[in-house]
């Protein structure tokens, strides 16, 4: 791999990056910052861009040429111009699961992970764009197959009779969740103040598929029955579930019906408030993005291991 200088101008870089689906909504300042951090790279035929089970130091957006992605001796896919390779692994902070080899002489725009983090620190719109794109992808999977997320954290349940959670209790409650475990007390306090405790009796319809999704519910106690219309997919959301978060972040409609199966207590959070907290605490936002991205990587790897390609 060698660096090329001056072949791709600044405006052309912006146009290339703007074509990436996850970045299409970015403003010109954020795109320009990403373009400034990108480096032109030339990969001779046969050179290795990524190796299996090795840390991913950068994203390669293919401008010209072709890269073969393999697992062992099996060809998984071939990436051509317009493909950003390594992005999900960089966001998830996990090693690359595939080997990437240039099938022909290939040119890419490389953005290393440190440069990307610096741009994210300065331009929250980049973080938000990635969050929305990953959440959109997850909703597409869950709409077909049901929830794919991790099991709720231990100790997430709180009895209804214990009374309303005060600010300190909310902070300690939130820290049980992996995405918030490393967050600062100030960030969790800001998040907690934006949550409203709500209670429902059994048999209360909370939303229907197709409704707008301006908020999410963090279930503290009780059970919510969920069904995907037109399918046989049903699931029960209990204590520790974050229900409705992905579609709210992605700004997509609800994808399932939700009705309380028992008395329920939950923390209601408007998505606008969560985004404001993330903007004030970019490290927390990046941790959340990494958690979502790791879930996607795990899903894709499981599908690949079973011989079924993951839907785009």
C-alpha atoms as a PDB file:
ATOM      1  CA  UNK A   1       0.000   0.000   0.000  1.00  0.00           C
ATOM      2  CA  UNK A   2       1.365   3.443  -0.898  1.00  0.00           C
ATOM      3  CA  UNK A   3       0.074   6.977  -0.541  1.00  0.00           C
ATOM      4  CA  UNK A   4      -0.942   8.905  -3.644  1.00  0.00           C
ATOM      5  CA  UNK A   5      -0.815  12.684  -3.552  1.00  0.00           C
ATOM      6  CA  UNK A   6      -2.979  15.160  -5.419  1.00  0.00           C
ATOM      7  CA  UNK A   7      -4.782  12.729  -7.699  1.00  0.00           C
ATOM      8  CA  UNK A   8      -8.162  13.220  -5.991  1.00  0.00           C
ATOM      9  CA  UNK A   9      -9.035  16.844  -5.215  1.00  0.00           C
ATOM     10  CA  UNK A  10     -10.849  18.090  -2.127  1.00  0.00           C
ATOM     11  CA  UNK A  11     -14.236  18.557  -3.801  1.00  0.00           C
ATOM     12  CA  UNK A  12     -13.999  15.125  -5.448  1.00  0.00           C
ATOM     13  CA  UNK A  13     -13.259  13.583  -2.033  1.00  0.00           C
ATOM     14  CA  UNK A  14     -16.339  15.232  -0.586  1.00  0.00           C
ATOM     15  CA  UNK A  15     -18.467  13.863  -3.427  1.00  0.00           C
ATOM     16  CA  UNK A  16     -17.063  10.361  -2.934  1.00  0.00           C
ATOM     17  CA  UNK A  17     -17.765  10.445   0.803  1.00  0.00           C
ATOM     18  CA  UNK A  18     -21.216  11.961   0.312  1.00  0.00           C
ATOM     19  CA  UNK A  19     -22.158   8.892  -1.745  1.00  0.00           C
ATOM     20  CA  UNK A  20     -21.698   6.636   1.328  1.00  0.00           C
ATOM     21  CA  UNK A  21     -25.227   5.900   2.623  1.00  0.00           C
ATOM     22  CA  UNK A  22     -24.291   6.512   6.261  1.00  0.00           C
ATOM     23  CA  UNK A  23     -22.971   9.993   5.406  1.00  0.00           C
ATOM     24  CA  UNK A  24     -25.510  11.301   2.902  1.00  0.00           C
ATOM     25  CA  UNK A  25     -27.245  13.604   5.365  1.00  0.00           C
ATOM     26  CA  UNK A  26     -24.100  15.353   6.595  1.00  0.00           C
ATOM     27  CA  UNK A  27     -23.602  19.069   6.175  1.00  0.00           C
ATOM     28  CA  UNK A  28     -20.739  20.417   4.087  1.00  0.00           C
ATOM     29  CA  UNK A  29     -18.540  21.298   7.083  1.00  0.00           C
ATOM     30  CA  UNK A  30     -18.628  17.754   8.444  1.00  0.00           C
ATOM     31  CA  UNK A  31     -18.031  16.236   5.007  1.00  0.00           C
ATOM     32  CA  UNK A  32     -15.139  18.604   4.417  1.00  0.00           C
ATOM     33  CA  UNK A  33     -13.584  17.592   7.755  1.00  0.00           C
ATOM     34  CA  UNK A  34     -13.836  13.916   6.825  1.00  0.00           C
ATOM     35  CA  UNK A  35     -12.433  14.605   3.355  1.00  0.00           C
ATOM     36  CA  UNK A  36      -9.514  16.496   4.900  1.00  0.00           C
ATOM     37  CA  UNK A  37      -8.693  13.500   7.111  1.00  0.00           C
ATOM     38  CA  UNK A  38      -8.808  11.022   4.197  1.00  0.00           C
ATOM     39  CA  UNK A  39      -5.645   9.838   2.470  1.00  0.00           C
ATOM     40  CA  UNK A  40      -5.382   8.453  -1.066  1.00  0.00           C
ATOM     41  CA  UNK A  41      -3.971   4.930  -1.099  1.00  0.00           C
ATOM     42  CA  UNK A  42      -2.788   2.717  -3.947  1.00  0.00           C
ATOM     43  CA  UNK A  43      -3.023  -1.071  -3.419  1.00  0.00           C
ATOM     44  CA  UNK A  44      -1.224  -3.173  -6.055  1.00  0.00           C
ATOM     45  CA  UNK A  45      -2.941  -6.365  -7.141  1.00  0.00           C
ATOM     46  CA  UNK A  46      -2.530  -9.057  -4.459  1.00  0.00           C
ATOM     47  CA  UNK A  47      -1.872  -6.648  -1.588  1.00  0.00           C
ATOM     48  CA  UNK A  48      -3.692  -7.133   1.713  1.00  0.00           C
ATOM     49  CA  UNK A  49      -5.954  -4.356   3.013  1.00  0.00           C
ATOM     50  CA  UNK A  50      -7.282  -6.342   5.982  1.00  0.00           C
ATOM     51  CA  UNK A  51      -6.413  -9.657   7.571  1.00  0.00           C
ATOM     52  CA  UNK A  52      -8.651 -11.991   9.565  1.00  0.00           C
ATOM     53  CA  UNK A  53      -8.765 -11.547  13.329  1.00  0.00           C
ATOM     54  CA  UNK A  54      -6.555  -8.438  13.282  1.00  0.00           C
ATOM     55  CA  UNK A  55      -7.412  -4.982  14.674  1.00  0.00           C
ATOM     56  CA  UNK A  56      -8.914  -2.614  12.114  1.00  0.00           C
ATOM     57  CA  UNK A  57      -6.990   0.644  12.045  1.00  0.00           C
ATOM     58  CA  UNK A  58      -8.859   2.389   9.232  1.00  0.00           C
ATOM     59  CA  UNK A  59     -11.748   2.536   6.797  1.00  0.00           C
ATOM     60  CA  UNK A  60     -10.987   2.132   3.091  1.00  0.00           C
ATOM     61  CA  UNK A  61     -13.546   3.679   0.747  1.00  0.00           C
ATOM     62  CA  UNK A  62     -12.918   2.037  -2.625  1.00  0.00           C
ATOM     63  CA  UNK A  63     -12.581   4.564  -5.461  1.00  0.00           C
ATOM     64  CA  UNK A  64     -11.326   2.285  -8.224  1.00  0.00           C
ATOM     65  CA  UNK A  65     -10.504  -1.399  -8.467  1.00  0.00           C
ATOM     66  CA  UNK A  66     -11.849  -4.419  -6.623  1.00  0.00           C
ATOM     67  CA  UNK A  67     -11.232  -6.093  -3.245  1.00  0.00           C
ATOM     68  CA  UNK A  68     -11.997  -9.766  -2.549  1.00  0.00           C
ATOM     69  CA  UNK A  69     -13.235 -10.476   0.995  1.00  0.00           C
ATOM     70  CA  UNK A  70     -12.589 -14.040   2.165  1.00  0.00           C
ATOM     71  CA  UNK A  71     -12.996 -16.189   5.263  1.00  0.00           C
ATOM     72  CA  UNK A  72     -10.375 -18.915   5.081  1.00  0.00           C
ATOM     73  CA  UNK A  73     -10.566 -20.234   1.518  1.00  0.00           C
ATOM     74  CA  UNK A  74     -14.165 -19.105   1.012  1.00  0.00           C
ATOM     75  CA  UNK A  75     -14.943 -15.937  -0.947  1.00  0.00           C
ATOM     76  CA  UNK A  76     -17.626 -14.059   1.007  1.00  0.00           C
ATOM     77  CA  UNK A  77     -18.044 -11.031  -1.236  1.00  0.00           C
ATOM     78  CA  UNK A  78     -16.267  -8.731  -3.653  1.00  0.00           C
ATOM     79  CA  UNK A  79     -16.191  -4.978  -3.043  1.00  0.00           C
ATOM     80  CA  UNK A  80     -15.931  -2.478  -5.869  1.00  0.00           C
ATOM     81  CA  UNK A  81     -16.034   1.315  -6.242  1.00  0.00           C
ATOM     82  CA  UNK A  82     -18.288   3.079  -3.745  1.00  0.00           C
ATOM     83  CA  UNK A  83     -17.836   0.485  -0.991  1.00  0.00           C
ATOM     84  CA  UNK A  84     -16.575   1.613   2.454  1.00  0.00           C
ATOM     85  CA  UNK A  85     -14.641  -1.363   3.845  1.00  0.00           C
ATOM     86  CA  UNK A  86     -13.918  -1.757   7.559  1.00  0.00           C
ATOM     87  CA  UNK A  87     -16.401   0.877   8.740  1.00  0.00           C
ATOM     88  CA  UNK A  88     -18.496  -1.415  10.924  1.00  0.00           C
ATOM     89  CA  UNK A  89     -15.415  -3.000  12.519  1.00  0.00           C
ATOM     90  CA  UNK A  90     -13.961   0.444  13.290  1.00  0.00           C
ATOM     91  CA  UNK A  91     -17.232   1.607  14.850  1.00  0.00           C
ATOM     92  CA  UNK A  92     -17.618  -1.660  16.783  1.00  0.00           C
ATOM     93  CA  UNK A  93     -13.962  -1.609  17.905  1.00  0.00           C
ATOM     94  CA  UNK A  94     -13.551  -5.278  16.998  1.00  0.00           C
ATOM     95  CA  UNK A  95     -11.047  -7.173  14.801  1.00  0.00           C
ATOM     96  CA  UNK A  96     -11.823  -7.750  11.142  1.00  0.00           C
ATOM     97  CA  UNK A  97     -13.568 -11.083  10.554  1.00  0.00           C
ATOM     98  CA  UNK A  98     -12.521 -11.293   6.893  1.00  0.00           C
ATOM     99  CA  UNK A  99      -9.383 -11.004   4.796  1.00  0.00           C
ATOM    100  CA  UNK A 100      -9.412  -8.256   2.168  1.00  0.00           C
ATOM    101  CA  UNK A 101      -7.170  -8.688  -0.882  1.00  0.00           C
ATOM    102  CA  UNK A 102      -6.894  -6.390  -3.908  1.00  0.00           C
ATOM    103  CA  UNK A 103      -7.992  -8.467  -6.926  1.00  0.00           C
ATOM    104  CA  UNK A 104      -6.666  -5.783  -9.266  1.00  0.00           C
ATOM    105  CA  UNK A 105      -4.753  -2.544  -8.754  1.00  0.00           C
ATOM    106  CA  UNK A 106      -7.027  -0.612  -6.409  1.00  0.00           C
ATOM    107  CA  UNK A 107      -7.322   2.974  -5.178  1.00  0.00           C
ATOM    108  CA  UNK A 108      -9.028   3.900  -1.916  1.00  0.00           C
ATOM    109  CA  UNK A 109      -9.622   6.848   0.353  1.00  0.00           C
ATOM    110  CA  UNK A 110      -8.374   5.809   3.782  1.00  0.00           C
ATOM    111  CA  UNK A 111      -9.666   7.336   7.031  1.00  0.00           C
ATOM    112  CA  UNK A 112      -7.819   5.960  10.037  1.00  0.00           C
ATOM    113  CA  UNK A 113      -9.757   5.356  13.238  1.00  0.00           C
ATOM    114  CA  UNK A 114      -7.978   8.071  15.246  1.00  0.00           C
ATOM    115  CA  UNK A 115      -8.704  10.694  12.585  1.00  0.00           C
ATOM    116  CA  UNK A 116     -12.344   9.572  12.490  1.00  0.00           C
ATOM    117  CA  UNK A 117     -12.652   9.938  16.273  1.00  0.00           C
ATOM    118  CA  UNK A 118     -11.222  13.458  16.075  1.00  0.00           C
ATOM    119  CA  UNK A 119     -13.793  14.407  13.437  1.00  0.00           C
ATOM    120  CA  UNK A 120     -16.552  12.886  15.586  1.00  0.00           C
ATOM    121  CA  UNK A 121     -15.413  14.966  18.564  1.00  0.00           C
ATOM    122  CA  UNK A 122     -15.620  18.144  16.495  1.00  0.00           C
ATOM    123  CA  UNK A 123     -18.711  17.295  14.442  1.00  0.00           C
ATOM    124  CA  UNK A 124     -21.440  15.484  16.370  1.00  0.00           C
ATOM    125  CA  UNK A 125     -23.478  15.255  13.155  1.00  0.00           C
ATOM    126  CA  UNK A 126     -21.057  12.527  12.013  1.00  0.00           C
ATOM    127  CA  UNK A 127     -21.783  10.465  15.149  1.00  0.00           C
ATOM    128  CA  UNK A 128     -25.520  11.005  14.737  1.00  0.00           C
ATOM    129  CA  UNK A 129     -25.381  10.016  11.071  1.00  0.00           C
ATOM    130  CA  UNK A 130     -23.644   6.740  11.956  1.00  0.00           C
ATOM    131  CA  UNK A 131     -26.108   6.116  14.804  1.00  0.00           C
ATOM    132  CA  UNK A 132     -29.109   6.605  12.537  1.00  0.00           C
ATOM    133  CA  UNK A 133     -27.658   4.378   9.831  1.00  0.00           C
ATOM    134  CA  UNK A 134     -26.782   1.502  12.184  1.00  0.00           C
ATOM    135  CA  UNK A 135     -30.172   1.792  13.917  1.00  0.00           C
ATOM    136  CA  UNK A 136     -31.889   1.749  10.509  1.00  0.00           C
ATOM    137  CA  UNK A 137     -30.045  -1.461   9.655  1.00  0.00           C
ATOM    138  CA  UNK A 138     -31.022  -3.060  12.972  1.00  0.00           C
ATOM    139  CA  UNK A 139     -34.692  -2.135  12.540  1.00  0.00           C
ATOM    140  CA  UNK A 140     -34.661  -3.770   9.108  1.00  0.00           C
ATOM    141  CA  UNK A 141     -33.391  -7.018  10.637  1.00  0.00           C
ATOM    142  CA  UNK A 142     -35.754  -6.940  13.624  1.00  0.00           C
ATOM    143  CA  UNK A 143     -38.748  -6.168  11.446  1.00  0.00           C
ATOM    144  CA  UNK A 144     -38.139  -9.493   9.684  1.00  0.00           C
ATOM    145  CA  UNK A 145     -36.786 -11.645  12.513  1.00  0.00           C
ATOM    146  CA  UNK A 146     -37.693 -10.051  15.830  1.00  0.00           C
ATOM    147  CA  UNK A 147     -35.308  -8.601  18.461  1.00  0.00           C
ATOM    148  CA  UNK A 148     -31.624  -9.434  18.078  1.00  0.00           C
ATOM    149  CA  UNK A 149     -30.208  -7.564  21.064  1.00  0.00           C
ATOM    150  CA  UNK A 150     -28.421  -8.913  24.167  1.00  0.00           C
ATOM    151  CA  UNK A 151     -30.266 -10.229  27.219  1.00  0.00           C
ATOM    152  CA  UNK A 152     -31.324  -7.566  29.763  1.00  0.00           C
ATOM    153  CA  UNK A 153     -28.743  -6.917  32.495  1.00  0.00           C
ATOM    154  CA  UNK A 154     -29.031  -8.763  35.784  1.00  0.00           C
ATOM    155  CA  UNK A 155     -30.760  -6.871  38.538  1.00  0.00           C
ATOM    156  CA  UNK A 156     -32.727  -4.720  36.101  1.00  0.00           C
ATOM    157  CA  UNK A 157     -36.083  -5.575  37.679  1.00  0.00           C
ATOM    158  CA  UNK A 158     -37.573  -3.293  40.325  1.00  0.00           C
ATOM    159  CA  UNK A 159     -40.829  -4.152  42.062  1.00  0.00           C
ATOM    160  CA  UNK A 160     -43.782  -1.864  41.394  1.00  0.00           C
ATOM    161  CA  UNK A 161     -44.429  -1.520  45.122  1.00  0.00           C
ATOM    162  CA  UNK A 162     -41.006   0.014  45.742  1.00  0.00           C
ATOM    163  CA  UNK A 163     -42.209   3.464  44.721  1.00  0.00           C
ATOM    164  CA  UNK A 164     -40.858   5.938  42.193  1.00  0.00           C
ATOM    165  CA  UNK A 165     -37.157   5.981  41.379  1.00  0.00           C
ATOM    166  CA  UNK A 166     -35.409   9.148  42.555  1.00  0.00           C
ATOM    167  CA  UNK A 167     -32.477  10.689  40.655  1.00  0.00           C
ATOM    168  CA  UNK A 168     -29.762   8.695  42.445  1.00  0.00           C
ATOM    169  CA  UNK A 169     -31.662   5.427  41.996  1.00  0.00           C
ATOM    170  CA  UNK A 170     -32.109   6.176  38.288  1.00  0.00           C
ATOM    171  CA  UNK A 171     -28.376   6.759  37.877  1.00  0.00           C
ATOM    172  CA  UNK A 172     -27.491   3.461  39.554  1.00  0.00           C
ATOM    173  CA  UNK A 173     -30.231   1.715  37.589  1.00  0.00           C
ATOM    174  CA  UNK A 174     -28.867   3.012  34.268  1.00  0.00           C
ATOM    175  CA  UNK A 175     -25.321   1.941  35.181  1.00  0.00           C
ATOM    176  CA  UNK A 176     -26.441  -1.694  35.127  1.00  0.00           C
ATOM    177  CA  UNK A 177     -26.720  -1.442  31.346  1.00  0.00           C
ATOM    178  CA  UNK A 178     -23.518  -2.089  29.337  1.00  0.00           C
ATOM    179  CA  UNK A 179     -23.939   1.031  27.217  1.00  0.00           C
ATOM    180  CA  UNK A 180     -23.976   3.254  30.305  1.00  0.00           C
ATOM    181  CA  UNK A 181     -21.586   1.333  32.583  1.00  0.00           C
ATOM    182  CA  UNK A 182     -18.611   3.520  31.734  1.00  0.00           C
ATOM    183  CA  UNK A 183     -20.485   6.825  31.515  1.00  0.00           C
ATOM    184  CA  UNK A 184     -19.748   9.629  33.936  1.00  0.00           C
ATOM    185  CA  UNK A 185     -22.098  10.432  36.800  1.00  0.00           C
ATOM    186  CA  UNK A 186     -22.763  13.863  35.271  1.00  0.00           C
ATOM    187  CA  UNK A 187     -23.768  12.318  31.939  1.00  0.00           C
ATOM    188  CA  UNK A 188     -26.066   9.808  33.624  1.00  0.00           C
ATOM    189  CA  UNK A 189     -27.570  12.540  35.785  1.00  0.00           C
ATOM    190  CA  UNK A 190     -28.308  14.600  32.678  1.00  0.00           C
ATOM    191  CA  UNK A 191     -29.882  11.574  31.034  1.00  0.00           C
ATOM    192  CA  UNK A 192     -31.879  10.656  34.153  1.00  0.00           C
ATOM    193  CA  UNK A 193     -33.408  14.119  34.463  1.00  0.00           C
ATOM    194  CA  UNK A 194     -34.843  13.730  30.979  1.00  0.00           C
ATOM    195  CA  UNK A 195     -36.638  10.483  31.843  1.00  0.00           C
ATOM    196  CA  UNK A 196     -40.207  10.330  33.143  1.00  0.00           C
ATOM    197  CA  UNK A 197     -41.466   7.367  35.148  1.00  0.00           C
ATOM    198  CA  UNK A 198     -44.719   6.035  33.688  1.00  0.00           C
ATOM    199  CA  UNK A 199     -47.099   3.289  34.880  1.00  0.00           C
ATOM    200  CA  UNK A 200     -49.686   1.281  32.992  1.00  0.00           C
ATOM    201  CA  UNK A 201     -52.273  -1.308  33.924  1.00  0.00           C
ATOM    202  CA  UNK A 202     -52.568  -4.601  32.035  1.00  0.00           C
ATOM    203  CA  UNK A 203     -54.108  -4.617  28.559  1.00  0.00           C
ATOM    204  CA  UNK A 204     -53.055  -1.059  27.628  1.00  0.00           C
ATOM    205  CA  UNK A 205     -52.096  -0.588  23.940  1.00  0.00           C
ATOM    206  CA  UNK A 206     -48.859   1.417  23.903  1.00  0.00           C
ATOM    207  CA  UNK A 207     -48.438   1.713  20.134  1.00  0.00           C
ATOM    208  CA  UNK A 208     -49.215   0.000  16.838  1.00  0.00           C
ATOM    209  CA  UNK A 209     -46.976  -0.834  13.898  1.00  0.00           C
ATOM    210  CA  UNK A 210     -46.773   2.217  11.654  1.00  0.00           C
ATOM    211  CA  UNK A 211     -47.075   4.782  14.462  1.00  0.00           C
ATOM    212  CA  UNK A 212     -44.477   7.518  14.775  1.00  0.00           C
ATOM    213  CA  UNK A 213     -41.639   6.739  17.197  1.00  0.00           C
ATOM    214  CA  UNK A 214     -40.588   9.876  19.082  1.00  0.00           C
ATOM    215  CA  UNK A 215     -39.685   8.085  22.331  1.00  0.00           C
ATOM    216  CA  UNK A 216     -38.429   4.840  23.885  1.00  0.00           C
ATOM    217  CA  UNK A 217     -39.424   2.944  27.022  1.00  0.00           C
ATOM    218  CA  UNK A 218     -36.952   1.406  29.464  1.00  0.00           C
ATOM    219  CA  UNK A 219     -38.979  -1.301  31.196  1.00  0.00           C
ATOM    220  CA  UNK A 220     -38.409  -1.342  34.960  1.00  0.00           C
ATOM    221  CA  UNK A 221     -41.024  -3.955  35.872  1.00  0.00           C
ATOM    222  CA  UNK A 222     -43.848  -5.876  34.247  1.00  0.00           C
ATOM    223  CA  UNK A 223     -44.213  -7.359  30.782  1.00  0.00           C
ATOM    224  CA  UNK A 224     -45.195  -5.923  27.394  1.00  0.00           C
ATOM    225  CA  UNK A 225     -46.476  -8.262  24.684  1.00  0.00           C
ATOM    226  CA  UNK A 226     -45.203  -7.429  21.206  1.00  0.00           C
ATOM    227  CA  UNK A 227     -46.265  -8.792  17.823  1.00  0.00           C
ATOM    228  CA  UNK A 228     -45.187  -8.079  14.259  1.00  0.00           C
ATOM    229  CA  UNK A 229     -48.339  -7.804  12.123  1.00  0.00           C
ATOM    230  CA  UNK A 230     -48.544 -10.257   9.261  1.00  0.00           C
ATOM    231  CA  UNK A 231     -45.975 -12.633  10.810  1.00  0.00           C
ATOM    232  CA  UNK A 232     -45.798 -15.293  13.498  1.00  0.00           C
ATOM    233  CA  UNK A 233     -43.133 -13.321  15.399  1.00  0.00           C
ATOM    234  CA  UNK A 234     -44.105 -12.569  19.008  1.00  0.00           C
ATOM    235  CA  UNK A 235     -41.945 -11.585  21.949  1.00  0.00           C
ATOM    236  CA  UNK A 236     -42.344 -10.345  25.509  1.00  0.00           C
ATOM    237  CA  UNK A 237     -40.428  -7.287  26.691  1.00  0.00           C
ATOM    238  CA  UNK A 238     -39.718  -7.462  30.415  1.00  0.00           C
ATOM    239  CA  UNK A 239     -37.557  -5.678  32.970  1.00  0.00           C
ATOM    240  CA  UNK A 240     -34.378  -4.304  31.441  1.00  0.00           C
ATOM    241  CA  UNK A 241     -35.735  -4.013  27.917  1.00  0.00           C
ATOM    242  CA  UNK A 242     -35.173  -0.810  26.003  1.00  0.00           C
ATOM    243  CA  UNK A 243     -38.276  -0.863  23.834  1.00  0.00           C
ATOM    244  CA  UNK A 244     -38.650   1.307  20.745  1.00  0.00           C
ATOM    245  CA  UNK A 245     -35.157   2.794  20.862  1.00  0.00           C
ATOM    246  CA  UNK A 246     -33.864   1.730  17.443  1.00  0.00           C
ATOM    247  CA  UNK A 247     -36.774   3.048  15.394  1.00  0.00           C
ATOM    248  CA  UNK A 248     -36.751   6.267  17.416  1.00  0.00           C
ATOM    249  CA  UNK A 249     -33.048   6.845  16.642  1.00  0.00           C
ATOM    250  CA  UNK A 250     -33.497   5.873  12.989  1.00  0.00           C
ATOM    251  CA  UNK A 251     -36.587   8.103  12.711  1.00  0.00           C
ATOM    252  CA  UNK A 252     -38.601   5.173  11.389  1.00  0.00           C
ATOM    253  CA  UNK A 253     -42.191   4.143  12.267  1.00  0.00           C
ATOM    254  CA  UNK A 254     -42.884   1.504  14.904  1.00  0.00           C
ATOM    255  CA  UNK A 255     -42.419  -1.963  13.464  1.00  0.00           C
ATOM    256  CA  UNK A 256     -44.514  -3.947  15.955  1.00  0.00           C
ATOM    257  CA  UNK A 257     -47.616  -3.667  18.121  1.00  0.00           C
ATOM    258  CA  UNK A 258     -47.037  -3.302  21.866  1.00  0.00           C
ATOM    259  CA  UNK A 259     -49.626  -3.951  24.617  1.00  0.00           C
ATOM    260  CA  UNK A 260     -49.017  -4.359  28.353  1.00  0.00           C
ATOM    261  CA  UNK A 261     -49.521  -7.937  29.553  1.00  0.00           C
ATOM    262  CA  UNK A 262     -49.321  -6.989  33.247  1.00  0.00           C
ATOM    263  CA  UNK A 263     -48.949  -3.840  35.317  1.00  0.00           C
ATOM    264  CA  UNK A 264     -45.874  -2.070  33.941  1.00  0.00           C
ATOM    265  CA  UNK A 265     -43.542   0.615  35.227  1.00  0.00           C
ATOM    266  CA  UNK A 266     -41.093   2.143  32.759  1.00  0.00           C
ATOM    267  CA  UNK A 267     -38.865   5.137  32.174  1.00  0.00           C
ATOM    268  CA  UNK A 268     -40.098   7.208  29.237  1.00  0.00           C
ATOM    269  CA  UNK A 269     -37.425   9.041  27.268  1.00  0.00           C
ATOM    270  CA  UNK A 270     -38.004  11.408  24.354  1.00  0.00           C
ATOM    271  CA  UNK A 271     -35.440  10.698  21.660  1.00  0.00           C
ATOM    272  CA  UNK A 272     -34.704  14.393  21.245  1.00  0.00           C
ATOM    273  CA  UNK A 273     -33.534  14.453  24.868  1.00  0.00           C
ATOM    274  CA  UNK A 274     -31.271  11.420  24.418  1.00  0.00           C
ATOM    275  CA  UNK A 275     -29.657  12.965  21.341  1.00  0.00           C
ATOM    276  CA  UNK A 276     -29.006  16.174  23.302  1.00  0.00           C
ATOM    277  CA  UNK A 277     -27.313  14.153  26.056  1.00  0.00           C
ATOM    278  CA  UNK A 278     -25.210  12.313  23.461  1.00  0.00           C
ATOM    279  CA  UNK A 279     -24.152  15.606  21.903  1.00  0.00           C
ATOM    280  CA  UNK A 280     -22.981  16.828  25.316  1.00  0.00           C
ATOM    281  CA  UNK A 281     -21.257  13.490  26.001  1.00  0.00           C
ATOM    282  CA  UNK A 282     -19.750  12.273  22.736  1.00  0.00           C
ATOM    283  CA  UNK A 283     -17.811   9.479  24.461  1.00  0.00           C
ATOM    284  CA  UNK A 284     -21.109   8.007  25.707  1.00  0.00           C
ATOM    285  CA  UNK A 285     -22.565   8.282  22.209  1.00  0.00           C
ATOM    286  CA  UNK A 286     -19.558   6.508  20.702  1.00  0.00           C
ATOM    287  CA  UNK A 287     -19.874   3.747  23.315  1.00  0.00           C
ATOM    288  CA  UNK A 288     -23.527   3.290  22.386  1.00  0.00           C
ATOM    289  CA  UNK A 289     -22.629   3.232  18.690  1.00  0.00           C
ATOM    290  CA  UNK A 290     -19.915   0.632  19.372  1.00  0.00           C
ATOM    291  CA  UNK A 291     -22.414  -1.574  21.239  1.00  0.00           C
ATOM    292  CA  UNK A 292     -24.931  -1.440  18.373  1.00  0.00           C
ATOM    293  CA  UNK A 293     -22.202  -2.073  15.803  1.00  0.00           C
ATOM    294  CA  UNK A 294     -20.874  -5.085  17.740  1.00  0.00           C
ATOM    295  CA  UNK A 295     -24.387  -6.531  17.692  1.00  0.00           C
ATOM    296  CA  UNK A 296     -24.488  -6.151  13.919  1.00  0.00           C
ATOM    297  CA  UNK A 297     -21.039  -7.695  13.505  1.00  0.00           C
ATOM    298  CA  UNK A 298     -22.124 -10.665  15.630  1.00  0.00           C
ATOM    299  CA  UNK A 299     -25.320 -11.072  13.584  1.00  0.00           C
ATOM    300  CA  UNK A 300     -23.422 -10.946  10.276  1.00  0.00           C
ATOM    301  CA  UNK A 301     -20.812 -13.446  11.485  1.00  0.00           C
ATOM    302  CA  UNK A 302     -23.468 -15.895  12.692  1.00  0.00           C
ATOM    303  CA  UNK A 303     -25.258 -15.672   9.358  1.00  0.00           C
ATOM    304  CA  UNK A 304     -21.980 -16.151   7.522  1.00  0.00           C
ATOM    305  CA  UNK A 305     -21.061 -19.185   9.634  1.00  0.00           C
ATOM    306  CA  UNK A 306     -24.405 -20.793   8.786  1.00  0.00           C
ATOM    307  CA  UNK A 307     -23.918 -20.146   5.077  1.00  0.00           C
ATOM    308  CA  UNK A 308     -26.721 -17.567   4.912  1.00  0.00           C
ATOM    309  CA  UNK A 309     -25.552 -14.076   3.863  1.00  0.00           C
ATOM    310  CA  UNK A 310     -26.793 -11.226   6.021  1.00  0.00           C
ATOM    311  CA  UNK A 311     -29.354  -8.992   4.296  1.00  0.00           C
ATOM    312  CA  UNK A 312     -28.039  -5.552   3.356  1.00  0.00           C
END
